[in-house]
């Protein structure tokens, strides 16, 4: 009988050890998918945004409605009043709400605040108080085209804001324009110190899009090799656990270099059908495009679909990042959601 009990005890002990080892080693035995799926929300097309949250909110960790701004006087204000259904839909799906505060691409507005210690402190306090009063889960800073001279002051402002948000446990994300090298002709990216900002913020969202933009020559919005270079540069300066890859959902219709109008997946497809154009695939850029003529002008349209977005999610280095943020929710190719479903892990 004693020997029988000894066998039982030994078996139980061995089972306990095996279970404990599996639990301890499981993080190393399984490769988790990117954890964060987020998206920006803009004023146009709010109905599409609400539909996307209602139908696919389980795949999103957070959304960032672009509600707030720094105005021409350097004061904190509202860009637009969001549809309350956005807030309701987000809460129903347990999606974190992290509104954006933008300078609306105007470096002068930002400079009015950043170069004044008093105004920096006042703005940081205003934002932190707003987050607390509205029970937001965090905030996203979208300061673009800054003067290079404001580089250090921007770091100081981000640090001051983070300090004030810490008491509420709110998240701070900082959206940055893309770089592929330290030396850049574009003044706006020279103002961004990825390394310093990455030490302060909870998330760094890098806008890996507008490689070709409306005021320049036509081309892919974010070609695959360029996205890889953007990731490579950022990942050497920002901890990968904080780095979020910004992914475009839009496109442009160029009538000539420097003359383009924005399109989304639906409008691009509709235009191709109207003019009888064949949608082609550029293998090197990993992006769809088509051409057509109208009113004596030759057009070329580059846009994004599920295939091109999937290619970006699979680009070298992207799997090691914290996740992705899409611009903008509500205009996406519906076929992208099954692709994202395989990558969804909403643990913070």
C-alpha atoms as a PDB file:
ATOM      1  CA  UNK A   1       0.000   0.000   0.000  1.00  0.00           C
ATOM      2  CA  UNK A   2       2.840   2.350   0.872  1.00  0.00           C
ATOM      3  CA  UNK A   3       4.456   1.624  -2.493  1.00  0.00           C
ATOM      4  CA  UNK A   4       1.141   2.406  -4.244  1.00  0.00           C
ATOM      5  CA  UNK A   5       0.882   5.765  -2.500  1.00  0.00           C
ATOM      6  CA  UNK A   6       4.480   6.475  -3.427  1.00  0.00           C
ATOM      7  CA  UNK A   7       3.685   5.837  -7.104  1.00  0.00           C
ATOM      8  CA  UNK A   8       0.666   8.157  -6.918  1.00  0.00           C
ATOM      9  CA  UNK A   9       2.708  10.875  -5.236  1.00  0.00           C
ATOM     10  CA  UNK A  10       5.510  10.516  -7.774  1.00  0.00           C
ATOM     11  CA  UNK A  11       3.116  10.695 -10.691  1.00  0.00           C
ATOM     12  CA  UNK A  12       1.409  13.789  -9.280  1.00  0.00           C
ATOM     13  CA  UNK A  13       4.752  15.465  -8.682  1.00  0.00           C
ATOM     14  CA  UNK A  14       5.926  14.693 -12.219  1.00  0.00           C
ATOM     15  CA  UNK A  15       2.664  16.030 -13.661  1.00  0.00           C
ATOM     16  CA  UNK A  16       3.026  19.229 -11.625  1.00  0.00           C
ATOM     17  CA  UNK A  17       6.589  19.740 -12.886  1.00  0.00           C
ATOM     18  CA  UNK A  18       5.536  19.195 -16.517  1.00  0.00           C
ATOM     19  CA  UNK A  19       2.626  21.669 -16.235  1.00  0.00           C
ATOM     20  CA  UNK A  20       4.862  24.226 -14.548  1.00  0.00           C
ATOM     21  CA  UNK A  21       7.525  23.886 -17.245  1.00  0.00           C
ATOM     22  CA  UNK A  22       4.971  24.262 -20.044  1.00  0.00           C
ATOM     23  CA  UNK A  23       3.590  27.400 -18.386  1.00  0.00           C
ATOM     24  CA  UNK A  24       7.040  28.920 -17.888  1.00  0.00           C
ATOM     25  CA  UNK A  25       8.355  28.032 -21.331  1.00  0.00           C
ATOM     26  CA  UNK A  26       5.222  28.736 -23.380  1.00  0.00           C
ATOM     27  CA  UNK A  27       6.226  32.346 -24.195  1.00  0.00           C
ATOM     28  CA  UNK A  28       9.394  30.957 -25.760  1.00  0.00           C
ATOM     29  CA  UNK A  29       7.725  28.046 -27.537  1.00  0.00           C
ATOM     30  CA  UNK A  30       5.007  30.052 -29.286  1.00  0.00           C
ATOM     31  CA  UNK A  31       5.418  33.117 -31.455  1.00  0.00           C
ATOM     32  CA  UNK A  32       2.768  35.694 -30.571  1.00  0.00           C
ATOM     33  CA  UNK A  33       1.369  37.874 -33.345  1.00  0.00           C
ATOM     34  CA  UNK A  34       1.633  41.671 -33.164  1.00  0.00           C
ATOM     35  CA  UNK A  35      -0.478  42.826 -30.243  1.00  0.00           C
ATOM     36  CA  UNK A  36      -1.652  46.296 -31.198  1.00  0.00           C
ATOM     37  CA  UNK A  37      -4.120  47.103 -33.939  1.00  0.00           C
ATOM     38  CA  UNK A  38      -5.142  50.753 -33.907  1.00  0.00           C
ATOM     39  CA  UNK A  39      -6.521  53.303 -36.343  1.00  0.00           C
ATOM     40  CA  UNK A  40      -6.956  57.020 -36.747  1.00  0.00           C
ATOM     41  CA  UNK A  41     -10.403  58.491 -37.348  1.00  0.00           C
ATOM     42  CA  UNK A  42     -10.937  61.641 -39.424  1.00  0.00           C
ATOM     43  CA  UNK A  43     -14.060  63.766 -39.835  1.00  0.00           C
ATOM     44  CA  UNK A  44     -15.070  62.646 -43.343  1.00  0.00           C
ATOM     45  CA  UNK A  45     -16.839  59.324 -43.562  1.00  0.00           C
ATOM     46  CA  UNK A  46     -17.830  58.911 -39.921  1.00  0.00           C
ATOM     47  CA  UNK A  47     -20.566  56.474 -40.900  1.00  0.00           C
ATOM     48  CA  UNK A  48     -18.002  54.111 -42.413  1.00  0.00           C
ATOM     49  CA  UNK A  49     -15.878  54.468 -39.280  1.00  0.00           C
ATOM     50  CA  UNK A  50     -18.742  53.475 -37.000  1.00  0.00           C
ATOM     51  CA  UNK A  51     -19.536  50.471 -39.194  1.00  0.00           C
ATOM     52  CA  UNK A  52     -15.910  49.331 -39.051  1.00  0.00           C
ATOM     53  CA  UNK A  53     -15.846  49.538 -35.252  1.00  0.00           C
ATOM     54  CA  UNK A  54     -19.196  47.801 -34.861  1.00  0.00           C
ATOM     55  CA  UNK A  55     -18.292  44.973 -37.233  1.00  0.00           C
ATOM     56  CA  UNK A  56     -14.585  44.557 -36.481  1.00  0.00           C
ATOM     57  CA  UNK A  57     -13.968  46.200 -33.101  1.00  0.00           C
ATOM     58  CA  UNK A  58     -12.776  42.891 -31.656  1.00  0.00           C
ATOM     59  CA  UNK A  59      -9.694  43.243 -33.848  1.00  0.00           C
ATOM     60  CA  UNK A  60      -8.848  46.756 -32.660  1.00  0.00           C
ATOM     61  CA  UNK A  61      -7.063  47.681 -29.461  1.00  0.00           C
ATOM     62  CA  UNK A  62      -7.498  51.454 -29.838  1.00  0.00           C
ATOM     63  CA  UNK A  63      -8.800  54.240 -32.059  1.00  0.00           C
ATOM     64  CA  UNK A  64      -7.602  57.843 -32.280  1.00  0.00           C
ATOM     65  CA  UNK A  65     -10.256  60.318 -33.450  1.00  0.00           C
ATOM     66  CA  UNK A  66      -8.560  63.495 -34.675  1.00  0.00           C
ATOM     67  CA  UNK A  67     -10.618  65.784 -32.443  1.00  0.00           C
ATOM     68  CA  UNK A  68      -8.216  68.376 -31.019  1.00  0.00           C
ATOM     69  CA  UNK A  69      -5.739  70.935 -32.314  1.00  0.00           C
ATOM     70  CA  UNK A  70      -3.380  73.773 -31.594  1.00  0.00           C
ATOM     71  CA  UNK A  71      -4.942  76.795 -33.276  1.00  0.00           C
ATOM     72  CA  UNK A  72      -3.318  79.743 -35.066  1.00  0.00           C
ATOM     73  CA  UNK A  73      -2.709  81.470 -31.730  1.00  0.00           C
ATOM     74  CA  UNK A  74      -1.095  78.460 -30.148  1.00  0.00           C
ATOM     75  CA  UNK A  75      -4.160  77.745 -28.019  1.00  0.00           C
ATOM     76  CA  UNK A  76      -5.745  74.350 -27.422  1.00  0.00           C
ATOM     77  CA  UNK A  77      -9.021  73.832 -29.306  1.00  0.00           C
ATOM     78  CA  UNK A  78     -11.363  71.422 -31.035  1.00  0.00           C
ATOM     79  CA  UNK A  79     -11.083  70.450 -34.703  1.00  0.00           C
ATOM     80  CA  UNK A  80     -14.496  68.820 -34.963  1.00  0.00           C
ATOM     81  CA  UNK A  81     -17.059  67.336 -32.657  1.00  0.00           C
ATOM     82  CA  UNK A  82     -17.124  63.609 -33.174  1.00  0.00           C
ATOM     83  CA  UNK A  83     -20.247  61.592 -33.640  1.00  0.00           C
ATOM     84  CA  UNK A  84     -21.162  60.279 -30.149  1.00  0.00           C
ATOM     85  CA  UNK A  85     -21.793  56.900 -31.775  1.00  0.00           C
ATOM     86  CA  UNK A  86     -18.025  56.574 -32.202  1.00  0.00           C
ATOM     87  CA  UNK A  87     -17.556  56.743 -28.440  1.00  0.00           C
ATOM     88  CA  UNK A  88     -20.451  54.361 -27.863  1.00  0.00           C
ATOM     89  CA  UNK A  89     -19.253  51.840 -30.439  1.00  0.00           C
ATOM     90  CA  UNK A  90     -15.715  51.919 -29.055  1.00  0.00           C
ATOM     91  CA  UNK A  91     -16.896  51.333 -25.481  1.00  0.00           C
ATOM     92  CA  UNK A  92     -19.216  48.531 -26.553  1.00  0.00           C
ATOM     93  CA  UNK A  93     -16.326  46.734 -28.245  1.00  0.00           C
ATOM     94  CA  UNK A  94     -13.841  47.537 -25.448  1.00  0.00           C
ATOM     95  CA  UNK A  95     -11.710  49.582 -27.849  1.00  0.00           C
ATOM     96  CA  UNK A  96      -9.446  52.116 -26.145  1.00  0.00           C
ATOM     97  CA  UNK A  97     -10.171  55.751 -26.994  1.00  0.00           C
ATOM     98  CA  UNK A  98      -7.002  57.820 -27.556  1.00  0.00           C
ATOM     99  CA  UNK A  99      -7.889  61.099 -29.346  1.00  0.00           C
ATOM    100  CA  UNK A 100      -5.252  62.931 -31.371  1.00  0.00           C
ATOM    101  CA  UNK A 101      -4.024  66.464 -30.755  1.00  0.00           C
ATOM    102  CA  UNK A 102      -2.600  68.004 -33.946  1.00  0.00           C
ATOM    103  CA  UNK A 103      -0.903  71.176 -35.098  1.00  0.00           C
ATOM    104  CA  UNK A 104      -2.581  70.638 -38.497  1.00  0.00           C
ATOM    105  CA  UNK A 105       0.786  70.558 -40.321  1.00  0.00           C
ATOM    106  CA  UNK A 106       1.529  74.156 -39.262  1.00  0.00           C
ATOM    107  CA  UNK A 107       4.969  74.563 -37.636  1.00  0.00           C
ATOM    108  CA  UNK A 108       4.183  78.135 -36.535  1.00  0.00           C
ATOM    109  CA  UNK A 109       1.322  76.997 -34.308  1.00  0.00           C
ATOM    110  CA  UNK A 110       3.472  74.417 -32.602  1.00  0.00           C
ATOM    111  CA  UNK A 111       6.370  76.816 -32.250  1.00  0.00           C
ATOM    112  CA  UNK A 112       4.214  79.330 -30.354  1.00  0.00           C
ATOM    113  CA  UNK A 113       3.763  76.689 -27.674  1.00  0.00           C
ATOM    114  CA  UNK A 114       7.043  74.796 -27.779  1.00  0.00           C
ATOM    115  CA  UNK A 115       9.345  77.818 -27.430  1.00  0.00           C
ATOM    116  CA  UNK A 116       7.574  79.052 -24.306  1.00  0.00           C
ATOM    117  CA  UNK A 117       8.082  77.014 -21.094  1.00  0.00           C
ATOM    118  CA  UNK A 118       4.903  78.527 -19.662  1.00  0.00           C
ATOM    119  CA  UNK A 119       2.781  77.637 -22.685  1.00  0.00           C
ATOM    120  CA  UNK A 120       4.265  74.142 -22.851  1.00  0.00           C
ATOM    121  CA  UNK A 121       3.297  73.552 -19.246  1.00  0.00           C
ATOM    122  CA  UNK A 122      -0.173  75.037 -19.756  1.00  0.00           C
ATOM    123  CA  UNK A 123      -0.882  72.866 -22.815  1.00  0.00           C
ATOM    124  CA  UNK A 124       0.390  69.709 -21.131  1.00  0.00           C
ATOM    125  CA  UNK A 125      -1.874  70.436 -18.159  1.00  0.00           C
ATOM    126  CA  UNK A 126      -4.876  71.150 -20.413  1.00  0.00           C
ATOM    127  CA  UNK A 127      -4.462  67.880 -22.284  1.00  0.00           C
ATOM    128  CA  UNK A 128      -3.962  65.836 -19.115  1.00  0.00           C
ATOM    129  CA  UNK A 129      -7.033  67.427 -17.518  1.00  0.00           C
ATOM    130  CA  UNK A 130      -9.099  66.697 -20.625  1.00  0.00           C
ATOM    131  CA  UNK A 131      -8.030  63.043 -20.654  1.00  0.00           C
ATOM    132  CA  UNK A 132      -9.028  62.724 -16.997  1.00  0.00           C
ATOM    133  CA  UNK A 133     -12.326  64.588 -17.332  1.00  0.00           C
ATOM    134  CA  UNK A 134     -13.457  62.654 -20.429  1.00  0.00           C
ATOM    135  CA  UNK A 135     -12.153  59.303 -19.142  1.00  0.00           C
ATOM    136  CA  UNK A 136     -10.021  58.815 -22.245  1.00  0.00           C
ATOM    137  CA  UNK A 137      -7.634  55.877 -22.241  1.00  0.00           C
ATOM    138  CA  UNK A 138      -4.822  58.017 -23.550  1.00  0.00           C
ATOM    139  CA  UNK A 139      -3.874  60.641 -26.102  1.00  0.00           C
ATOM    140  CA  UNK A 140      -1.972  60.756 -29.389  1.00  0.00           C
ATOM    141  CA  UNK A 141       0.281  63.699 -30.295  1.00  0.00           C
ATOM    142  CA  UNK A 142       0.332  64.418 -34.026  1.00  0.00           C
ATOM    143  CA  UNK A 143       2.692  67.377 -34.393  1.00  0.00           C
ATOM    144  CA  UNK A 144       3.984  67.463 -37.972  1.00  0.00           C
ATOM    145  CA  UNK A 145       6.311  69.614 -40.089  1.00  0.00           C
ATOM    146  CA  UNK A 146       7.960  71.086 -36.992  1.00  0.00           C
ATOM    147  CA  UNK A 147      10.864  73.495 -37.268  1.00  0.00           C
ATOM    148  CA  UNK A 148      14.214  71.750 -36.665  1.00  0.00           C
ATOM    149  CA  UNK A 149      14.954  74.493 -34.132  1.00  0.00           C
ATOM    150  CA  UNK A 150      12.061  73.186 -32.004  1.00  0.00           C
ATOM    151  CA  UNK A 151      13.521  69.679 -31.705  1.00  0.00           C
ATOM    152  CA  UNK A 152      14.655  69.966 -28.066  1.00  0.00           C
ATOM    153  CA  UNK A 153      11.582  71.918 -26.958  1.00  0.00           C
ATOM    154  CA  UNK A 154       9.306  69.242 -28.431  1.00  0.00           C
ATOM    155  CA  UNK A 155      11.090  66.606 -26.358  1.00  0.00           C
ATOM    156  CA  UNK A 156      10.575  68.774 -23.268  1.00  0.00           C
ATOM    157  CA  UNK A 157       6.874  69.145 -24.029  1.00  0.00           C
ATOM    158  CA  UNK A 158       6.372  65.393 -24.554  1.00  0.00           C
ATOM    159  CA  UNK A 159       8.165  64.753 -21.267  1.00  0.00           C
ATOM    160  CA  UNK A 160       5.981  67.273 -19.423  1.00  0.00           C
ATOM    161  CA  UNK A 161       2.816  65.761 -20.863  1.00  0.00           C
ATOM    162  CA  UNK A 162       3.874  62.215 -19.986  1.00  0.00           C
ATOM    163  CA  UNK A 163       4.559  63.288 -16.416  1.00  0.00           C
ATOM    164  CA  UNK A 164       1.048  64.704 -16.059  1.00  0.00           C
ATOM    165  CA  UNK A 165      -0.609  61.696 -17.664  1.00  0.00           C
ATOM    166  CA  UNK A 166       1.189  59.259 -15.373  1.00  0.00           C
ATOM    167  CA  UNK A 167      -1.174  59.975 -12.477  1.00  0.00           C
ATOM    168  CA  UNK A 168      -4.121  58.764 -14.576  1.00  0.00           C
ATOM    169  CA  UNK A 169      -2.401  55.690 -16.088  1.00  0.00           C
ATOM    170  CA  UNK A 170      -3.333  57.094 -19.509  1.00  0.00           C
ATOM    171  CA  UNK A 171      -1.245  56.067 -22.510  1.00  0.00           C
ATOM    172  CA  UNK A 172       0.771  58.546 -24.555  1.00  0.00           C
ATOM    173  CA  UNK A 173       1.476  57.869 -28.205  1.00  0.00           C
ATOM    174  CA  UNK A 174       3.569  60.176 -30.368  1.00  0.00           C
ATOM    175  CA  UNK A 175       2.968  60.094 -34.117  1.00  0.00           C
ATOM    176  CA  UNK A 176       6.098  60.818 -36.154  1.00  0.00           C
ATOM    177  CA  UNK A 177       6.783  61.410 -39.818  1.00  0.00           C
ATOM    178  CA  UNK A 178       8.918  58.769 -41.573  1.00  0.00           C
ATOM    179  CA  UNK A 179      12.686  58.800 -41.915  1.00  0.00           C
ATOM    180  CA  UNK A 180      15.100  56.479 -43.651  1.00  0.00           C
ATOM    181  CA  UNK A 181      18.305  58.284 -42.622  1.00  0.00           C
ATOM    182  CA  UNK A 182      19.593  60.916 -40.194  1.00  0.00           C
ATOM    183  CA  UNK A 183      20.364  63.382 -42.968  1.00  0.00           C
ATOM    184  CA  UNK A 184      17.106  64.525 -44.556  1.00  0.00           C
ATOM    185  CA  UNK A 185      16.385  67.553 -46.716  1.00  0.00           C
ATOM    186  CA  UNK A 186      12.877  67.741 -45.301  1.00  0.00           C
ATOM    187  CA  UNK A 187      12.955  70.053 -42.280  1.00  0.00           C
ATOM    188  CA  UNK A 188       9.951  68.403 -40.605  1.00  0.00           C
ATOM    189  CA  UNK A 189      11.696  65.091 -39.999  1.00  0.00           C
ATOM    190  CA  UNK A 190      14.922  66.728 -38.810  1.00  0.00           C
ATOM    191  CA  UNK A 191      12.872  68.075 -35.904  1.00  0.00           C
ATOM    192  CA  UNK A 192      12.081  64.563 -34.668  1.00  0.00           C
ATOM    193  CA  UNK A 193      14.476  62.805 -32.313  1.00  0.00           C
ATOM    194  CA  UNK A 194      13.178  59.237 -32.483  1.00  0.00           C
ATOM    195  CA  UNK A 195      15.506  57.995 -29.772  1.00  0.00           C
ATOM    196  CA  UNK A 196      14.572  60.644 -27.202  1.00  0.00           C
ATOM    197  CA  UNK A 197      10.843  60.462 -27.939  1.00  0.00           C
ATOM    198  CA  UNK A 198      10.951  56.667 -27.733  1.00  0.00           C
ATOM    199  CA  UNK A 199      12.307  56.845 -24.192  1.00  0.00           C
ATOM    200  CA  UNK A 200       9.363  58.964 -23.046  1.00  0.00           C
ATOM    201  CA  UNK A 201       6.226  57.873 -24.893  1.00  0.00           C
ATOM    202  CA  UNK A 202       4.361  54.578 -24.485  1.00  0.00           C
ATOM    203  CA  UNK A 203       3.987  54.281 -28.253  1.00  0.00           C
ATOM    204  CA  UNK A 204       5.749  55.766 -31.267  1.00  0.00           C
ATOM    205  CA  UNK A 205       3.515  55.603 -34.338  1.00  0.00           C
ATOM    206  CA  UNK A 206       5.556  56.033 -37.478  1.00  0.00           C
ATOM    207  CA  UNK A 207       3.601  57.230 -40.509  1.00  0.00           C
ATOM    208  CA  UNK A 208       5.036  54.913 -43.150  1.00  0.00           C
ATOM    209  CA  UNK A 209       3.065  56.503 -45.971  1.00  0.00           C
ATOM    210  CA  UNK A 210       2.967  59.484 -48.351  1.00  0.00           C
ATOM    211  CA  UNK A 211       6.198  58.349 -49.954  1.00  0.00           C
ATOM    212  CA  UNK A 212       4.460  59.800 -53.005  1.00  0.00           C
ATOM    213  CA  UNK A 213       2.035  62.551 -52.055  1.00  0.00           C
ATOM    214  CA  UNK A 214      -0.492  64.818 -53.741  1.00  0.00           C
ATOM    215  CA  UNK A 215       1.939  67.691 -54.328  1.00  0.00           C
ATOM    216  CA  UNK A 216       4.667  65.512 -55.863  1.00  0.00           C
ATOM    217  CA  UNK A 217       5.145  63.046 -58.710  1.00  0.00           C
ATOM    218  CA  UNK A 218       2.864  59.982 -58.882  1.00  0.00           C
ATOM    219  CA  UNK A 219       3.867  56.679 -57.371  1.00  0.00           C
ATOM    220  CA  UNK A 220       3.038  54.130 -54.699  1.00  0.00           C
ATOM    221  CA  UNK A 221       1.799  55.579 -51.419  1.00  0.00           C
ATOM    222  CA  UNK A 222       4.203  53.317 -49.557  1.00  0.00           C
ATOM    223  CA  UNK A 223       6.314  50.967 -51.656  1.00  0.00           C
ATOM    224  CA  UNK A 224       7.450  47.832 -49.913  1.00  0.00           C
ATOM    225  CA  UNK A 225      11.207  48.520 -50.069  1.00  0.00           C
ATOM    226  CA  UNK A 226      10.706  52.045 -48.708  1.00  0.00           C
ATOM    227  CA  UNK A 227       8.570  50.752 -45.820  1.00  0.00           C
ATOM    228  CA  UNK A 228      11.336  48.305 -44.986  1.00  0.00           C
ATOM    229  CA  UNK A 229      13.884  51.146 -44.838  1.00  0.00           C
ATOM    230  CA  UNK A 230      11.563  53.200 -42.633  1.00  0.00           C
ATOM    231  CA  UNK A 231      11.191  50.273 -40.218  1.00  0.00           C
ATOM    232  CA  UNK A 232      14.929  49.581 -40.207  1.00  0.00           C
ATOM    233  CA  UNK A 233      15.773  53.185 -39.316  1.00  0.00           C
ATOM    234  CA  UNK A 234      13.128  53.465 -36.582  1.00  0.00           C
ATOM    235  CA  UNK A 235      13.795  50.061 -35.020  1.00  0.00           C
ATOM    236  CA  UNK A 236      17.415  51.033 -34.360  1.00  0.00           C
ATOM    237  CA  UNK A 237      16.295  54.017 -32.295  1.00  0.00           C
ATOM    238  CA  UNK A 238      12.971  53.094 -30.699  1.00  0.00           C
ATOM    239  CA  UNK A 239      12.329  49.976 -28.591  1.00  0.00           C
ATOM    240  CA  UNK A 240      10.393  47.568 -30.792  1.00  0.00           C
ATOM    241  CA  UNK A 241       7.845  46.998 -28.012  1.00  0.00           C
ATOM    242  CA  UNK A 242       6.844  50.656 -28.439  1.00  0.00           C
ATOM    243  CA  UNK A 243       7.037  50.979 -32.212  1.00  0.00           C
ATOM    244  CA  UNK A 244       3.778  51.046 -34.184  1.00  0.00           C
ATOM    245  CA  UNK A 245       3.855  50.925 -37.998  1.00  0.00           C
ATOM    246  CA  UNK A 246       1.463  53.411 -39.584  1.00  0.00           C
ATOM    247  CA  UNK A 247      -0.211  51.824 -42.627  1.00  0.00           C
ATOM    248  CA  UNK A 248      -2.143  53.755 -45.336  1.00  0.00           C
ATOM    249  CA  UNK A 249      -5.634  52.803 -46.479  1.00  0.00           C
ATOM    250  CA  UNK A 250      -5.942  55.603 -49.051  1.00  0.00           C
ATOM    251  CA  UNK A 251      -4.529  56.559 -52.438  1.00  0.00           C
ATOM    252  CA  UNK A 252      -4.189  59.408 -54.939  1.00  0.00           C
ATOM    253  CA  UNK A 253      -5.435  60.131 -58.442  1.00  0.00           C
ATOM    254  CA  UNK A 254      -2.825  62.210 -60.304  1.00  0.00           C
ATOM    255  CA  UNK A 255      -3.803  64.209 -63.377  1.00  0.00           C
ATOM    256  CA  UNK A 256      -0.227  65.499 -63.556  1.00  0.00           C
ATOM    257  CA  UNK A 257       2.752  65.716 -61.184  1.00  0.00           C
ATOM    258  CA  UNK A 258       1.819  67.833 -58.186  1.00  0.00           C
ATOM    259  CA  UNK A 259      -1.889  67.647 -58.990  1.00  0.00           C
ATOM    260  CA  UNK A 260      -3.701  64.813 -57.214  1.00  0.00           C
ATOM    261  CA  UNK A 261      -6.938  64.166 -55.391  1.00  0.00           C
ATOM    262  CA  UNK A 262      -7.341  61.656 -52.588  1.00  0.00           C
ATOM    263  CA  UNK A 263      -9.145  58.361 -53.214  1.00  0.00           C
ATOM    264  CA  UNK A 264     -10.021  55.381 -51.072  1.00  0.00           C
ATOM    265  CA  UNK A 265     -10.488  51.725 -51.951  1.00  0.00           C
ATOM    266  CA  UNK A 266     -14.163  52.056 -52.909  1.00  0.00           C
ATOM    267  CA  UNK A 267     -13.825  55.257 -54.953  1.00  0.00           C
ATOM    268  CA  UNK A 268     -10.741  53.917 -56.765  1.00  0.00           C
ATOM    269  CA  UNK A 269     -12.567  50.754 -57.788  1.00  0.00           C
ATOM    270  CA  UNK A 270     -15.639  52.711 -58.813  1.00  0.00           C
ATOM    271  CA  UNK A 271     -13.523  55.020 -60.992  1.00  0.00           C
ATOM    272  CA  UNK A 272     -11.791  52.073 -62.652  1.00  0.00           C
ATOM    273  CA  UNK A 273     -15.179  50.560 -63.495  1.00  0.00           C
ATOM    274  CA  UNK A 274     -16.529  53.870 -64.848  1.00  0.00           C
ATOM    275  CA  UNK A 275     -13.618  54.392 -67.243  1.00  0.00           C
ATOM    276  CA  UNK A 276     -13.098  50.715 -68.080  1.00  0.00           C
ATOM    277  CA  UNK A 277      -9.570  50.652 -66.666  1.00  0.00           C
ATOM    278  CA  UNK A 278      -7.748  47.460 -65.746  1.00  0.00           C
ATOM    279  CA  UNK A 279      -6.297  47.460 -62.232  1.00  0.00           C
ATOM    280  CA  UNK A 280      -2.687  46.343 -62.415  1.00  0.00           C
ATOM    281  CA  UNK A 281      -0.173  45.215 -59.814  1.00  0.00           C
ATOM    282  CA  UNK A 282       3.290  46.690 -59.424  1.00  0.00           C
ATOM    283  CA  UNK A 283       5.404  43.833 -58.095  1.00  0.00           C
ATOM    284  CA  UNK A 284       8.330  45.975 -57.014  1.00  0.00           C
ATOM    285  CA  UNK A 285       6.182  48.409 -55.018  1.00  0.00           C
ATOM    286  CA  UNK A 286       3.645  45.713 -54.003  1.00  0.00           C
ATOM    287  CA  UNK A 287       0.818  48.095 -54.825  1.00  0.00           C
ATOM    288  CA  UNK A 288      -2.174  48.293 -57.199  1.00  0.00           C
ATOM    289  CA  UNK A 289      -2.586  51.072 -59.766  1.00  0.00           C
ATOM    290  CA  UNK A 290      -4.410  51.910 -62.974  1.00  0.00           C
ATOM    291  CA  UNK A 291      -4.394  54.574 -65.681  1.00  0.00           C
ATOM    292  CA  UNK A 292      -7.111  56.334 -67.651  1.00  0.00           C
ATOM    293  CA  UNK A 293      -7.726  59.446 -69.740  1.00  0.00           C
ATOM    294  CA  UNK A 294     -10.389  62.052 -69.030  1.00  0.00           C
ATOM    295  CA  UNK A 295     -11.018  65.526 -70.466  1.00  0.00           C
ATOM    296  CA  UNK A 296      -7.805  65.360 -72.436  1.00  0.00           C
ATOM    297  CA  UNK A 297      -5.671  64.475 -69.403  1.00  0.00           C
ATOM    298  CA  UNK A 298      -3.890  61.234 -68.608  1.00  0.00           C
ATOM    299  CA  UNK A 299      -4.448  60.039 -65.043  1.00  0.00           C
ATOM    300  CA  UNK A 300      -2.673  57.483 -62.891  1.00  0.00           C
ATOM    301  CA  UNK A 301      -4.189  56.169 -59.676  1.00  0.00           C
ATOM    302  CA  UNK A 302      -2.210  54.461 -56.923  1.00  0.00           C
ATOM    303  CA  UNK A 303      -4.180  53.091 -53.978  1.00  0.00           C
ATOM    304  CA  UNK A 304      -4.195  50.381 -51.311  1.00  0.00           C
ATOM    305  CA  UNK A 305      -6.071  47.088 -51.108  1.00  0.00           C
ATOM    306  CA  UNK A 306      -5.964  43.967 -48.928  1.00  0.00           C
ATOM    307  CA  UNK A 307      -3.075  42.532 -50.945  1.00  0.00           C
ATOM    308  CA  UNK A 308      -0.867  45.623 -50.649  1.00  0.00           C
ATOM    309  CA  UNK A 309      -1.647  46.082 -46.954  1.00  0.00           C
ATOM    310  CA  UNK A 310      -0.896  42.431 -46.261  1.00  0.00           C
ATOM    311  CA  UNK A 311       2.451  42.877 -48.004  1.00  0.00           C
ATOM    312  CA  UNK A 312       3.311  45.759 -45.657  1.00  0.00           C
ATOM    313  CA  UNK A 313       2.360  43.713 -42.605  1.00  0.00           C
ATOM    314  CA  UNK A 314       4.751  41.020 -43.815  1.00  0.00           C
ATOM    315  CA  UNK A 315       7.666  43.278 -44.714  1.00  0.00           C
ATOM    316  CA  UNK A 316      10.996  42.385 -43.143  1.00  0.00           C
ATOM    317  CA  UNK A 317      11.163  43.578 -39.540  1.00  0.00           C
ATOM    318  CA  UNK A 318       7.463  44.363 -39.127  1.00  0.00           C
ATOM    319  CA  UNK A 319       6.670  41.166 -37.216  1.00  0.00           C
ATOM    320  CA  UNK A 320       8.978  42.291 -34.397  1.00  0.00           C
ATOM    321  CA  UNK A 321       7.152  45.594 -33.885  1.00  0.00           C
ATOM    322  CA  UNK A 322       4.408  46.166 -31.314  1.00  0.00           C
ATOM    323  CA  UNK A 323       1.722  46.410 -33.991  1.00  0.00           C
ATOM    324  CA  UNK A 324       0.063  48.611 -36.605  1.00  0.00           C
ATOM    325  CA  UNK A 325      -2.056  51.743 -36.891  1.00  0.00           C
ATOM    326  CA  UNK A 326      -4.174  52.403 -39.966  1.00  0.00           C
ATOM    327  CA  UNK A 327      -5.014  55.711 -41.608  1.00  0.00           C
ATOM    328  CA  UNK A 328      -7.856  56.012 -41.715  1.00  0.00           C
ATOM    329  CA  UNK A 329     -10.607  53.750 -40.389  1.00  0.00           C
ATOM    330  CA  UNK A 330     -13.736  53.418 -42.537  1.00  0.00           C
ATOM    331  CA  UNK A 331     -12.159  53.604 -46.010  1.00  0.00           C
ATOM    332  CA  UNK A 332     -10.443  50.223 -46.022  1.00  0.00           C
ATOM    333  CA  UNK A 333     -10.771  47.311 -48.426  1.00  0.00           C
ATOM    334  CA  UNK A 334     -13.234  45.003 -46.564  1.00  0.00           C
ATOM    335  CA  UNK A 335     -11.045  42.034 -47.449  1.00  0.00           C
ATOM    336  CA  UNK A 336      -8.340  43.307 -45.094  1.00  0.00           C
ATOM    337  CA  UNK A 337     -10.242  42.199 -41.991  1.00  0.00           C
ATOM    338  CA  UNK A 338      -9.738  38.435 -42.477  1.00  0.00           C
ATOM    339  CA  UNK A 339      -6.029  39.191 -42.901  1.00  0.00           C
ATOM    340  CA  UNK A 340      -5.951  41.166 -39.654  1.00  0.00           C
ATOM    341  CA  UNK A 341      -7.965  38.555 -37.783  1.00  0.00           C
ATOM    342  CA  UNK A 342      -5.044  36.149 -37.968  1.00  0.00           C
ATOM    343  CA  UNK A 343      -2.824  38.729 -36.296  1.00  0.00           C
ATOM    344  CA  UNK A 344      -5.171  39.994 -33.597  1.00  0.00           C
ATOM    345  CA  UNK A 345      -4.027  39.799 -29.994  1.00  0.00           C
ATOM    346  CA  UNK A 346      -5.522  42.640 -28.006  1.00  0.00           C
ATOM    347  CA  UNK A 347      -3.520  42.159 -24.832  1.00  0.00           C
ATOM    348  CA  UNK A 348      -1.999  45.565 -23.967  1.00  0.00           C
END
